[in-house]
């Protein structure tokens, strides 16, 4: 059932016809791949209780909010995102402070109508869209949301059209490793499904070594490469036909790429393939208009990973926060 929120904004759950969602997302100023229904659909239908929301004004979409329901039947919580690293509202370039407040007012009224106990929204680091990030955070804060979790994400700023950019940001030791790898003939292949088997070799090696489960299964990685071949890419460092390191890169927006996995072959750890493949990634993204690389969380309010932070900061990355906001209905 659609819920009328005041005289201006309506909220509707996403219908079977996804054309409005797709069209609005294509022109949204802060929409990301994690707002894209094609991405979210890699999850099996039974994994999450999706409940994506469309905000409308005068019958036309003005914002999108991907998400779903978690928690118990007695205390359901709406979460944005489910099945992705972050969510939050996707809006148009015309977002203004008063309208941002109106959007959150509408969401809270809808939550009360649905008898949701709480709303959780995880926002990306500010560089994903400086135009809107402060406005959305301000609106959440003013309407009673509070930050309950925080992740520190090292972000590397890119210089468009540059070559050997890594020499300006890497620590001197990392620069030495990259130059040595070049002399030995190491190369980087950017591809998709064609190099998946080679990528999975370093992927499995890395996660067996760390003794933890990866976020995605090999089958899910294959599905993402098939589903989104232009936005999900493998970058593989090869030394004499041997895969020594690899990245799974998500092109989340036109300006930000995300390294979801940084993997290496333990047998060839002394070749420092991870530093080399990242150095090549920096140049490739710089030459295609990207402005930032998001290396993913290196620390959180619950855990500080000293080694991961040291490595990513050694590449020249500086931390920005990914915050989870919570509002509890009364």
C-alpha atoms as a PDB file:
ATOM      1  CA  UNK A   1       0.000   0.000   0.000  1.00  0.00           C
ATOM      2  CA  UNK A   2       1.377   3.430  -0.963  1.00  0.00           C
ATOM      3  CA  UNK A   3       1.711   5.903   1.855  1.00  0.00           C
ATOM      4  CA  UNK A   4       1.003   9.603   1.400  1.00  0.00           C
ATOM      5  CA  UNK A   5       3.585  11.714   3.221  1.00  0.00           C
ATOM      6  CA  UNK A   6       2.347  15.290   3.644  1.00  0.00           C
ATOM      7  CA  UNK A   7       1.485  17.439   0.642  1.00  0.00           C
ATOM      8  CA  UNK A   8       4.726  16.935  -1.277  1.00  0.00           C
ATOM      9  CA  UNK A   9       6.448  13.556  -1.087  1.00  0.00           C
ATOM     10  CA  UNK A  10       5.086  10.035  -1.560  1.00  0.00           C
ATOM     11  CA  UNK A  11       7.056   6.854  -0.880  1.00  0.00           C
ATOM     12  CA  UNK A  12       6.328   3.703  -2.845  1.00  0.00           C
ATOM     13  CA  UNK A  13       7.982   0.292  -2.653  1.00  0.00           C
ATOM     14  CA  UNK A  14       9.596  -0.646  -5.941  1.00  0.00           C
ATOM     15  CA  UNK A  15       7.162  -2.340  -8.317  1.00  0.00           C
ATOM     16  CA  UNK A  16       7.826  -5.044 -10.891  1.00  0.00           C
ATOM     17  CA  UNK A  17       8.405  -2.344 -13.494  1.00  0.00           C
ATOM     18  CA  UNK A  18      11.946  -1.159 -12.793  1.00  0.00           C
ATOM     19  CA  UNK A  19      12.170   1.366 -15.629  1.00  0.00           C
ATOM     20  CA  UNK A  20      11.666   4.424 -13.367  1.00  0.00           C
ATOM     21  CA  UNK A  21      14.382   3.207 -11.026  1.00  0.00           C
ATOM     22  CA  UNK A  22      16.825   2.641 -13.888  1.00  0.00           C
ATOM     23  CA  UNK A  23      16.096   5.993 -15.531  1.00  0.00           C
ATOM     24  CA  UNK A  24      16.407   8.023 -12.339  1.00  0.00           C
ATOM     25  CA  UNK A  25      19.581   6.232 -11.269  1.00  0.00           C
ATOM     26  CA  UNK A  26      21.207   7.003 -14.628  1.00  0.00           C
ATOM     27  CA  UNK A  27      20.852  10.733 -13.976  1.00  0.00           C
ATOM     28  CA  UNK A  28      21.340  10.694 -10.201  1.00  0.00           C
ATOM     29  CA  UNK A  29      24.269  12.746  -8.991  1.00  0.00           C
ATOM     30  CA  UNK A  30      25.297  10.294  -6.245  1.00  0.00           C
ATOM     31  CA  UNK A  31      23.986   6.911  -7.375  1.00  0.00           C
ATOM     32  CA  UNK A  32      26.487   4.040  -7.359  1.00  0.00           C
ATOM     33  CA  UNK A  33      26.750   0.490  -8.610  1.00  0.00           C
ATOM     34  CA  UNK A  34      25.452  -0.568  -5.182  1.00  0.00           C
ATOM     35  CA  UNK A  35      22.161   1.185  -6.031  1.00  0.00           C
ATOM     36  CA  UNK A  36      21.910  -0.741  -9.305  1.00  0.00           C
ATOM     37  CA  UNK A  37      19.312  -3.529  -9.237  1.00  0.00           C
ATOM     38  CA  UNK A  38      21.421  -5.563 -11.667  1.00  0.00           C
ATOM     39  CA  UNK A  39      24.175  -5.690  -9.066  1.00  0.00           C
ATOM     40  CA  UNK A  40      21.878  -6.518  -6.163  1.00  0.00           C
ATOM     41  CA  UNK A  41      20.288  -9.308  -8.163  1.00  0.00           C
ATOM     42  CA  UNK A  42      23.405 -11.479  -7.946  1.00  0.00           C
ATOM     43  CA  UNK A  43      22.105 -12.499  -4.510  1.00  0.00           C
ATOM     44  CA  UNK A  44      19.802 -15.549  -4.425  1.00  0.00           C
ATOM     45  CA  UNK A  45      16.146 -14.463  -4.042  1.00  0.00           C
ATOM     46  CA  UNK A  46      15.853 -16.055  -0.600  1.00  0.00           C
ATOM     47  CA  UNK A  47      18.930 -14.398   0.924  1.00  0.00           C
ATOM     48  CA  UNK A  48      17.443 -10.971   1.716  1.00  0.00           C
ATOM     49  CA  UNK A  49      14.024  -9.382   2.176  1.00  0.00           C
ATOM     50  CA  UNK A  50      14.516  -6.550  -0.280  1.00  0.00           C
ATOM     51  CA  UNK A  51      12.248  -3.528   0.097  1.00  0.00           C
ATOM     52  CA  UNK A  52      13.555  -0.833  -2.235  1.00  0.00           C
ATOM     53  CA  UNK A  53      11.861   2.556  -1.968  1.00  0.00           C
ATOM     54  CA  UNK A  54      11.017   5.215  -4.556  1.00  0.00           C
ATOM     55  CA  UNK A  55      10.392   8.775  -3.335  1.00  0.00           C
ATOM     56  CA  UNK A  56       8.044  10.747  -5.596  1.00  0.00           C
ATOM     57  CA  UNK A  57       6.979  14.346  -5.903  1.00  0.00           C
ATOM     58  CA  UNK A  58       4.028  15.179  -8.152  1.00  0.00           C
ATOM     59  CA  UNK A  59       4.160  11.622  -9.463  1.00  0.00           C
ATOM     60  CA  UNK A  60       7.838  11.775 -10.514  1.00  0.00           C
ATOM     61  CA  UNK A  61      10.803  10.095  -8.779  1.00  0.00           C
ATOM     62  CA  UNK A  62      12.976  12.458  -6.728  1.00  0.00           C
ATOM     63  CA  UNK A  63      15.042   9.909  -4.799  1.00  0.00           C
ATOM     64  CA  UNK A  64      15.723   6.171  -4.573  1.00  0.00           C
ATOM     65  CA  UNK A  65      16.629   4.159  -1.484  1.00  0.00           C
ATOM     66  CA  UNK A  66      17.782   0.557  -1.928  1.00  0.00           C
ATOM     67  CA  UNK A  67      17.345  -1.635   1.106  1.00  0.00           C
ATOM     68  CA  UNK A  68      15.514  -4.374   2.863  1.00  0.00           C
ATOM     69  CA  UNK A  69      14.099  -5.672   6.131  1.00  0.00           C
ATOM     70  CA  UNK A  70      16.139  -7.350   8.843  1.00  0.00           C
ATOM     71  CA  UNK A  71      15.547  -8.107  12.489  1.00  0.00           C
ATOM     72  CA  UNK A  72      12.657  -9.976  14.038  1.00  0.00           C
ATOM     73  CA  UNK A  73       8.983  -9.941  13.171  1.00  0.00           C
ATOM     74  CA  UNK A  74       8.344  -8.012  16.381  1.00  0.00           C
ATOM     75  CA  UNK A  75      11.132  -5.475  15.726  1.00  0.00           C
ATOM     76  CA  UNK A  76      11.756  -5.181  11.964  1.00  0.00           C
ATOM     77  CA  UNK A  77      14.518  -2.828  10.878  1.00  0.00           C
ATOM     78  CA  UNK A  78      14.849  -1.241   7.464  1.00  0.00           C
ATOM     79  CA  UNK A  79      18.481  -1.345   6.334  1.00  0.00           C
ATOM     80  CA  UNK A  80      20.074   0.481   3.445  1.00  0.00           C
ATOM     81  CA  UNK A  81      21.881  -1.357   2.075  1.00  0.00           C
ATOM     82  CA  UNK A  82      21.324  -5.060   2.266  1.00  0.00           C
ATOM     83  CA  UNK A  83      23.633  -7.077   0.061  1.00  0.00           C
ATOM     84  CA  UNK A  84      26.087  -4.231  -0.611  1.00  0.00           C
ATOM     85  CA  UNK A  85      28.782  -2.244   1.197  1.00  0.00           C
ATOM     86  CA  UNK A  86      26.797   0.967   1.487  1.00  0.00           C
ATOM     87  CA  UNK A  87      23.507   2.503   0.417  1.00  0.00           C
ATOM     88  CA  UNK A  88      21.643   5.658   1.307  1.00  0.00           C
ATOM     89  CA  UNK A  89      19.410   7.798  -0.885  1.00  0.00           C
ATOM     90  CA  UNK A  90      20.292   8.409  -4.513  1.00  0.00           C
ATOM     91  CA  UNK A  91      19.211  11.938  -5.401  1.00  0.00           C
ATOM     92  CA  UNK A  92      19.326  14.439  -8.240  1.00  0.00           C
ATOM     93  CA  UNK A  93      21.787  17.286  -8.613  1.00  0.00           C
ATOM     94  CA  UNK A  94      19.162  19.769  -7.434  1.00  0.00           C
ATOM     95  CA  UNK A  95      19.202  18.504  -3.834  1.00  0.00           C
ATOM     96  CA  UNK A  96      18.878  21.346  -1.331  1.00  0.00           C
ATOM     97  CA  UNK A  97      19.055  21.299   2.461  1.00  0.00           C
ATOM     98  CA  UNK A  98      15.327  21.772   3.058  1.00  0.00           C
ATOM     99  CA  UNK A  99      14.449  19.045   0.584  1.00  0.00           C
ATOM    100  CA  UNK A 100      16.984  16.668   2.170  1.00  0.00           C
ATOM    101  CA  UNK A 101      15.206  17.189   5.483  1.00  0.00           C
ATOM    102  CA  UNK A 102      11.855  16.570   3.793  1.00  0.00           C
ATOM    103  CA  UNK A 103      13.122  13.261   2.372  1.00  0.00           C
ATOM    104  CA  UNK A 104      14.158  12.012   5.809  1.00  0.00           C
ATOM    105  CA  UNK A 105      10.868  13.215   7.313  1.00  0.00           C
ATOM    106  CA  UNK A 106       9.033  11.221   4.660  1.00  0.00           C
ATOM    107  CA  UNK A 107      11.135   8.133   5.342  1.00  0.00           C
ATOM    108  CA  UNK A 108      10.452   8.287   9.077  1.00  0.00           C
ATOM    109  CA  UNK A 109       6.723   8.702   8.535  1.00  0.00           C
ATOM    110  CA  UNK A 110       6.734   5.747   6.152  1.00  0.00           C
ATOM    111  CA  UNK A 111       8.646   3.688   8.744  1.00  0.00           C
ATOM    112  CA  UNK A 112       6.025   4.454  11.387  1.00  0.00           C
ATOM    113  CA  UNK A 113       3.251   3.494   8.985  1.00  0.00           C
ATOM    114  CA  UNK A 114       5.023   0.197   8.288  1.00  0.00           C
ATOM    115  CA  UNK A 115       5.601  -0.309  12.029  1.00  0.00           C
ATOM    116  CA  UNK A 116       9.349  -0.603  11.584  1.00  0.00           C
ATOM    117  CA  UNK A 117      11.303  -0.398  14.830  1.00  0.00           C
ATOM    118  CA  UNK A 118      14.339   1.278  13.314  1.00  0.00           C
ATOM    119  CA  UNK A 119      16.134   2.486  10.200  1.00  0.00           C
ATOM    120  CA  UNK A 120      19.824   1.859   9.482  1.00  0.00           C
ATOM    121  CA  UNK A 121      21.574   3.715   6.658  1.00  0.00           C
ATOM    122  CA  UNK A 122      25.228   3.234   5.737  1.00  0.00           C
ATOM    123  CA  UNK A 123      26.623   6.092   3.678  1.00  0.00           C
ATOM    124  CA  UNK A 124      29.736   6.008   1.476  1.00  0.00           C
ATOM    125  CA  UNK A 125      32.802   8.179   2.163  1.00  0.00           C
ATOM    126  CA  UNK A 126      32.293  11.833   1.184  1.00  0.00           C
ATOM    127  CA  UNK A 127      34.383  11.723  -2.003  1.00  0.00           C
ATOM    128  CA  UNK A 128      31.731   9.616  -3.727  1.00  0.00           C
ATOM    129  CA  UNK A 129      29.742  12.830  -4.040  1.00  0.00           C
ATOM    130  CA  UNK A 130      30.877  15.954  -2.226  1.00  0.00           C
ATOM    131  CA  UNK A 131      27.783  17.723  -3.607  1.00  0.00           C
ATOM    132  CA  UNK A 132      25.353  15.701  -1.499  1.00  0.00           C
ATOM    133  CA  UNK A 133      27.234  13.873   1.273  1.00  0.00           C
ATOM    134  CA  UNK A 134      27.130  16.741   3.785  1.00  0.00           C
ATOM    135  CA  UNK A 135      23.483  17.518   3.082  1.00  0.00           C
ATOM    136  CA  UNK A 136      22.377  13.931   3.636  1.00  0.00           C
ATOM    137  CA  UNK A 137      24.416  13.590   6.824  1.00  0.00           C
ATOM    138  CA  UNK A 138      23.028  16.897   8.089  1.00  0.00           C
ATOM    139  CA  UNK A 139      19.455  15.779   7.426  1.00  0.00           C
ATOM    140  CA  UNK A 140      19.983  12.447   9.202  1.00  0.00           C
ATOM    141  CA  UNK A 141      21.538  14.177  12.211  1.00  0.00           C
ATOM    142  CA  UNK A 142      18.798  16.789  12.450  1.00  0.00           C
ATOM    143  CA  UNK A 143      16.085  14.142  12.354  1.00  0.00           C
ATOM    144  CA  UNK A 144      17.514  12.098  15.211  1.00  0.00           C
ATOM    145  CA  UNK A 145      19.781   9.597  13.497  1.00  0.00           C
ATOM    146  CA  UNK A 146      23.077   8.848  15.231  1.00  0.00           C
ATOM    147  CA  UNK A 147      26.306   7.243  14.042  1.00  0.00           C
ATOM    148  CA  UNK A 148      26.595   3.736  15.492  1.00  0.00           C
ATOM    149  CA  UNK A 149      29.424   2.272  13.390  1.00  0.00           C
ATOM    150  CA  UNK A 150      32.318   3.813  11.508  1.00  0.00           C
ATOM    151  CA  UNK A 151      34.789   2.310   9.062  1.00  0.00           C
ATOM    152  CA  UNK A 152      38.019   3.991   7.949  1.00  0.00           C
ATOM    153  CA  UNK A 153      38.432   3.636   4.180  1.00  0.00           C
ATOM    154  CA  UNK A 154      41.779   4.627   2.636  1.00  0.00           C
ATOM    155  CA  UNK A 155      41.052   6.659  -0.504  1.00  0.00           C
ATOM    156  CA  UNK A 156      43.674   7.480  -3.140  1.00  0.00           C
ATOM    157  CA  UNK A 157      43.197  10.704  -5.090  1.00  0.00           C
ATOM    158  CA  UNK A 158      44.079  10.358  -8.785  1.00  0.00           C
ATOM    159  CA  UNK A 159      45.540  12.894 -11.198  1.00  0.00           C
ATOM    160  CA  UNK A 160      43.750  12.709 -14.566  1.00  0.00           C
ATOM    161  CA  UNK A 161      45.910  11.721 -17.531  1.00  0.00           C
ATOM    162  CA  UNK A 162      49.062  11.127 -15.511  1.00  0.00           C
ATOM    163  CA  UNK A 163      51.712   8.428 -15.977  1.00  0.00           C
ATOM    164  CA  UNK A 164      53.682   6.703 -13.214  1.00  0.00           C
ATOM    165  CA  UNK A 165      51.490   8.445 -10.647  1.00  0.00           C
ATOM    166  CA  UNK A 166      52.476   5.859  -8.084  1.00  0.00           C
ATOM    167  CA  UNK A 167      55.911   7.525  -7.854  1.00  0.00           C
ATOM    168  CA  UNK A 168      54.268  10.576  -6.265  1.00  0.00           C
ATOM    169  CA  UNK A 169      52.303   8.648  -3.648  1.00  0.00           C
ATOM    170  CA  UNK A 170      53.965   5.291  -2.883  1.00  0.00           C
ATOM    171  CA  UNK A 171      56.525   4.966  -0.100  1.00  0.00           C
ATOM    172  CA  UNK A 172      60.061   4.711  -1.447  1.00  0.00           C
ATOM    173  CA  UNK A 173      60.230   0.981  -0.736  1.00  0.00           C
ATOM    174  CA  UNK A 174      57.046   0.343  -2.716  1.00  0.00           C
ATOM    175  CA  UNK A 175      58.431   2.376  -5.641  1.00  0.00           C
ATOM    176  CA  UNK A 176      61.538   0.191  -5.626  1.00  0.00           C
ATOM    177  CA  UNK A 177      59.373  -2.949  -5.741  1.00  0.00           C
ATOM    178  CA  UNK A 178      57.368  -1.683  -8.721  1.00  0.00           C
ATOM    179  CA  UNK A 179      60.470  -0.720 -10.691  1.00  0.00           C
ATOM    180  CA  UNK A 180      62.069  -4.095  -9.991  1.00  0.00           C
ATOM    181  CA  UNK A 181      58.941  -5.902 -11.173  1.00  0.00           C
ATOM    182  CA  UNK A 182      58.957  -3.920 -14.416  1.00  0.00           C
ATOM    183  CA  UNK A 183      62.570  -4.881 -15.052  1.00  0.00           C
ATOM    184  CA  UNK A 184      61.674  -8.536 -14.589  1.00  0.00           C
ATOM    185  CA  UNK A 185      58.923  -8.263 -17.203  1.00  0.00           C
ATOM    186  CA  UNK A 186      55.857  -8.278 -14.963  1.00  0.00           C
ATOM    187  CA  UNK A 187      52.718  -7.091 -16.765  1.00  0.00           C
ATOM    188  CA  UNK A 188      49.104  -6.405 -15.831  1.00  0.00           C
ATOM    189  CA  UNK A 189      46.129  -7.818 -17.691  1.00  0.00           C
ATOM    190  CA  UNK A 190      42.744  -6.161 -17.318  1.00  0.00           C
ATOM    191  CA  UNK A 191      39.954  -8.520 -18.298  1.00  0.00           C
ATOM    192  CA  UNK A 192      36.814 -10.305 -17.221  1.00  0.00           C
ATOM    193  CA  UNK A 193      35.730 -13.916 -17.311  1.00  0.00           C
ATOM    194  CA  UNK A 194      38.661 -14.818 -19.545  1.00  0.00           C
ATOM    195  CA  UNK A 195      41.109 -14.586 -16.632  1.00  0.00           C
ATOM    196  CA  UNK A 196      38.817 -15.710 -13.817  1.00  0.00           C
ATOM    197  CA  UNK A 197      40.594 -19.044 -13.320  1.00  0.00           C
ATOM    198  CA  UNK A 198      43.953 -17.314 -12.919  1.00  0.00           C
ATOM    199  CA  UNK A 199      42.455 -14.769 -10.535  1.00  0.00           C
ATOM    200  CA  UNK A 200      40.890 -17.523  -8.435  1.00  0.00           C
ATOM    201  CA  UNK A 201      44.337 -19.053  -7.944  1.00  0.00           C
ATOM    202  CA  UNK A 202      45.585 -15.974  -6.075  1.00  0.00           C
ATOM    203  CA  UNK A 203      42.150 -15.425  -4.528  1.00  0.00           C
ATOM    204  CA  UNK A 204      42.094 -18.893  -2.924  1.00  0.00           C
ATOM    205  CA  UNK A 205      45.735 -18.605  -1.882  1.00  0.00           C
ATOM    206  CA  UNK A 206      45.036 -15.335  -0.080  1.00  0.00           C
ATOM    207  CA  UNK A 207      41.954 -16.459   1.831  1.00  0.00           C
ATOM    208  CA  UNK A 208      43.360 -19.845   2.804  1.00  0.00           C
ATOM    209  CA  UNK A 209      46.408 -18.006   4.158  1.00  0.00           C
ATOM    210  CA  UNK A 210      44.288 -15.585   6.169  1.00  0.00           C
ATOM    211  CA  UNK A 211      41.944 -18.312   7.391  1.00  0.00           C
ATOM    212  CA  UNK A 212      38.781 -16.302   6.741  1.00  0.00           C
ATOM    213  CA  UNK A 213      35.928 -16.558   4.263  1.00  0.00           C
ATOM    214  CA  UNK A 214      35.725 -14.067   1.395  1.00  0.00           C
ATOM    215  CA  UNK A 215      32.628 -11.922   0.948  1.00  0.00           C
ATOM    216  CA  UNK A 216      31.862 -13.543  -2.410  1.00  0.00           C
ATOM    217  CA  UNK A 217      32.058 -17.142  -3.525  1.00  0.00           C
ATOM    218  CA  UNK A 218      33.815 -17.948  -6.825  1.00  0.00           C
ATOM    219  CA  UNK A 219      30.386 -18.539  -8.349  1.00  0.00           C
ATOM    220  CA  UNK A 220      29.215 -15.102  -7.255  1.00  0.00           C
ATOM    221  CA  UNK A 221      32.337 -13.461  -8.674  1.00  0.00           C
ATOM    222  CA  UNK A 222      31.662 -15.231 -11.971  1.00  0.00           C
ATOM    223  CA  UNK A 223      28.059 -14.053 -11.909  1.00  0.00           C
ATOM    224  CA  UNK A 224      29.096 -10.437 -11.286  1.00  0.00           C
ATOM    225  CA  UNK A 225      31.589 -10.562 -14.160  1.00  0.00           C
ATOM    226  CA  UNK A 226      28.869 -11.907 -16.450  1.00  0.00           C
ATOM    227  CA  UNK A 227      26.175  -9.549 -15.179  1.00  0.00           C
ATOM    228  CA  UNK A 228      28.255  -6.345 -15.186  1.00  0.00           C
ATOM    229  CA  UNK A 229      31.196  -6.879 -17.549  1.00  0.00           C
ATOM    230  CA  UNK A 230      31.990  -3.169 -17.905  1.00  0.00           C
ATOM    231  CA  UNK A 231      31.836  -2.336 -14.206  1.00  0.00           C
ATOM    232  CA  UNK A 232      33.364  -5.400 -12.560  1.00  0.00           C
ATOM    233  CA  UNK A 233      36.880  -6.109 -13.809  1.00  0.00           C
ATOM    234  CA  UNK A 234      39.873  -8.244 -12.915  1.00  0.00           C
ATOM    235  CA  UNK A 235      43.362  -6.745 -12.900  1.00  0.00           C
ATOM    236  CA  UNK A 236      45.975  -9.506 -12.840  1.00  0.00           C
ATOM    237  CA  UNK A 237      49.748  -9.169 -12.412  1.00  0.00           C
ATOM    238  CA  UNK A 238      51.510 -11.804 -14.509  1.00  0.00           C
ATOM    239  CA  UNK A 239      55.169 -12.812 -14.309  1.00  0.00           C
ATOM    240  CA  UNK A 240      56.167 -15.165 -17.107  1.00  0.00           C
ATOM    241  CA  UNK A 241      52.593 -16.467 -17.421  1.00  0.00           C
ATOM    242  CA  UNK A 242      52.268 -16.963 -13.661  1.00  0.00           C
ATOM    243  CA  UNK A 243      49.569 -14.962 -11.823  1.00  0.00           C
ATOM    244  CA  UNK A 244      51.333 -13.372  -8.855  1.00  0.00           C
ATOM    245  CA  UNK A 245      48.674 -10.887  -7.708  1.00  0.00           C
ATOM    246  CA  UNK A 246      45.177  -9.773  -8.601  1.00  0.00           C
ATOM    247  CA  UNK A 247      42.486  -7.199  -7.901  1.00  0.00           C
ATOM    248  CA  UNK A 248      38.731  -7.399  -8.316  1.00  0.00           C
ATOM    249  CA  UNK A 249      37.768  -3.828  -9.178  1.00  0.00           C
ATOM    250  CA  UNK A 250      34.239  -2.429  -9.020  1.00  0.00           C
ATOM    251  CA  UNK A 251      33.690   0.792 -10.967  1.00  0.00           C
ATOM    252  CA  UNK A 252      31.102   2.171  -8.581  1.00  0.00           C
ATOM    253  CA  UNK A 253      30.642   5.580 -10.187  1.00  0.00           C
ATOM    254  CA  UNK A 254      32.133   7.497 -13.096  1.00  0.00           C
ATOM    255  CA  UNK A 255      34.803   8.835 -10.719  1.00  0.00           C
ATOM    256  CA  UNK A 256      35.347   6.210  -7.986  1.00  0.00           C
ATOM    257  CA  UNK A 257      36.614   2.646  -8.353  1.00  0.00           C
ATOM    258  CA  UNK A 258      36.677   0.157  -5.477  1.00  0.00           C
ATOM    259  CA  UNK A 259      39.269  -2.573  -4.971  1.00  0.00           C
ATOM    260  CA  UNK A 260      37.186  -5.300  -3.410  1.00  0.00           C
ATOM    261  CA  UNK A 261      39.978  -7.887  -3.237  1.00  0.00           C
ATOM    262  CA  UNK A 262      43.746  -7.395  -3.141  1.00  0.00           C
ATOM    263  CA  UNK A 263      45.130 -10.897  -3.572  1.00  0.00           C
ATOM    264  CA  UNK A 264      48.613 -12.328  -3.950  1.00  0.00           C
ATOM    265  CA  UNK A 265      50.376 -15.625  -4.619  1.00  0.00           C
ATOM    266  CA  UNK A 266      52.262 -16.586  -1.450  1.00  0.00           C
ATOM    267  CA  UNK A 267      54.893 -18.506  -3.437  1.00  0.00           C
ATOM    268  CA  UNK A 268      55.818 -15.291  -5.223  1.00  0.00           C
ATOM    269  CA  UNK A 269      55.320 -12.862  -2.354  1.00  0.00           C
ATOM    270  CA  UNK A 270      58.909 -11.640  -2.793  1.00  0.00           C
ATOM    271  CA  UNK A 271      57.941 -10.269  -6.231  1.00  0.00           C
ATOM    272  CA  UNK A 272      55.539  -7.744  -4.627  1.00  0.00           C
ATOM    273  CA  UNK A 273      52.887  -8.216  -7.290  1.00  0.00           C
ATOM    274  CA  UNK A 274      50.218  -6.433  -5.221  1.00  0.00           C
ATOM    275  CA  UNK A 275      52.139  -3.149  -5.289  1.00  0.00           C
ATOM    276  CA  UNK A 276      52.771  -3.570  -9.010  1.00  0.00           C
ATOM    277  CA  UNK A 277      49.166  -4.283  -9.979  1.00  0.00           C
ATOM    278  CA  UNK A 278      47.964  -1.313  -7.911  1.00  0.00           C
ATOM    279  CA  UNK A 279      50.539   0.969  -9.556  1.00  0.00           C
ATOM    280  CA  UNK A 280      49.228  -0.079 -12.970  1.00  0.00           C
ATOM    281  CA  UNK A 281      45.629   0.345 -11.817  1.00  0.00           C
ATOM    282  CA  UNK A 282      46.354   3.925 -10.774  1.00  0.00           C
ATOM    283  CA  UNK A 283      47.571   4.850 -14.261  1.00  0.00           C
ATOM    284  CA  UNK A 284      44.752   3.026 -16.055  1.00  0.00           C
ATOM    285  CA  UNK A 285      42.043   4.664 -13.988  1.00  0.00           C
ATOM    286  CA  UNK A 286      43.688   8.093 -14.182  1.00  0.00           C
ATOM    287  CA  UNK A 287      43.663   7.863 -17.960  1.00  0.00           C
ATOM    288  CA  UNK A 288      39.954   7.010 -18.115  1.00  0.00           C
ATOM    289  CA  UNK A 289      38.628   9.853 -15.980  1.00  0.00           C
ATOM    290  CA  UNK A 290      38.510   8.326 -12.505  1.00  0.00           C
ATOM    291  CA  UNK A 291      39.331  10.584  -9.563  1.00  0.00           C
ATOM    292  CA  UNK A 292      39.552   8.184  -6.602  1.00  0.00           C
ATOM    293  CA  UNK A 293      40.371   4.603  -5.697  1.00  0.00           C
ATOM    294  CA  UNK A 294      38.564   3.294  -2.619  1.00  0.00           C
ATOM    295  CA  UNK A 295      40.736   0.568  -1.086  1.00  0.00           C
ATOM    296  CA  UNK A 296      37.946  -0.556   1.220  1.00  0.00           C
ATOM    297  CA  UNK A 297      37.952  -0.517   5.025  1.00  0.00           C
ATOM    298  CA  UNK A 298      41.251  -0.945   6.828  1.00  0.00           C
ATOM    299  CA  UNK A 299      39.840  -0.259  10.279  1.00  0.00           C
ATOM    300  CA  UNK A 300      36.561   0.161  12.109  1.00  0.00           C
ATOM    301  CA  UNK A 301      35.287   1.237  15.499  1.00  0.00           C
ATOM    302  CA  UNK A 302      35.523  -2.431  16.486  1.00  0.00           C
ATOM    303  CA  UNK A 303      38.893  -3.400  14.987  1.00  0.00           C
ATOM    304  CA  UNK A 304      42.081  -1.680  13.849  1.00  0.00           C
ATOM    305  CA  UNK A 305      44.115  -3.692  11.334  1.00  0.00           C
ATOM    306  CA  UNK A 306      47.569  -2.193  11.679  1.00  0.00           C
ATOM    307  CA  UNK A 307      49.165  -4.151   8.826  1.00  0.00           C
ATOM    308  CA  UNK A 308      46.420  -3.411   6.303  1.00  0.00           C
ATOM    309  CA  UNK A 309      46.388   0.263   7.270  1.00  0.00           C
ATOM    310  CA  UNK A 310      50.174   0.495   6.918  1.00  0.00           C
ATOM    311  CA  UNK A 311      50.098  -1.109   3.455  1.00  0.00           C
ATOM    312  CA  UNK A 312      47.293   1.061   2.069  1.00  0.00           C
ATOM    313  CA  UNK A 313      48.665   4.270   3.541  1.00  0.00           C
ATOM    314  CA  UNK A 314      52.006   3.316   2.027  1.00  0.00           C
ATOM    315  CA  UNK A 315      50.343   3.594  -1.383  1.00  0.00           C
ATOM    316  CA  UNK A 316      49.444   7.216  -0.643  1.00  0.00           C
ATOM    317  CA  UNK A 317      45.852   6.650   0.440  1.00  0.00           C
ATOM    318  CA  UNK A 318      44.279   8.789   3.160  1.00  0.00           C
ATOM    319  CA  UNK A 319      41.316   7.813   5.299  1.00  0.00           C
ATOM    320  CA  UNK A 320      37.707   8.823   4.807  1.00  0.00           C
ATOM    321  CA  UNK A 321      34.847   7.487   6.899  1.00  0.00           C
ATOM    322  CA  UNK A 322      32.000   5.218   5.908  1.00  0.00           C
ATOM    323  CA  UNK A 323      29.347   5.700   8.588  1.00  0.00           C
ATOM    324  CA  UNK A 324      26.300   3.712   9.628  1.00  0.00           C
ATOM    325  CA  UNK A 325      23.449   5.829  10.978  1.00  0.00           C
ATOM    326  CA  UNK A 326      20.603   4.536  13.149  1.00  0.00           C
ATOM    327  CA  UNK A 327      17.182   5.936  13.997  1.00  0.00           C
ATOM    328  CA  UNK A 328      14.851   4.123  16.399  1.00  0.00           C
ATOM    329  CA  UNK A 329      11.140   4.750  16.229  1.00  0.00           C
ATOM    330  CA  UNK A 330       9.372   5.765  19.408  1.00  0.00           C
END
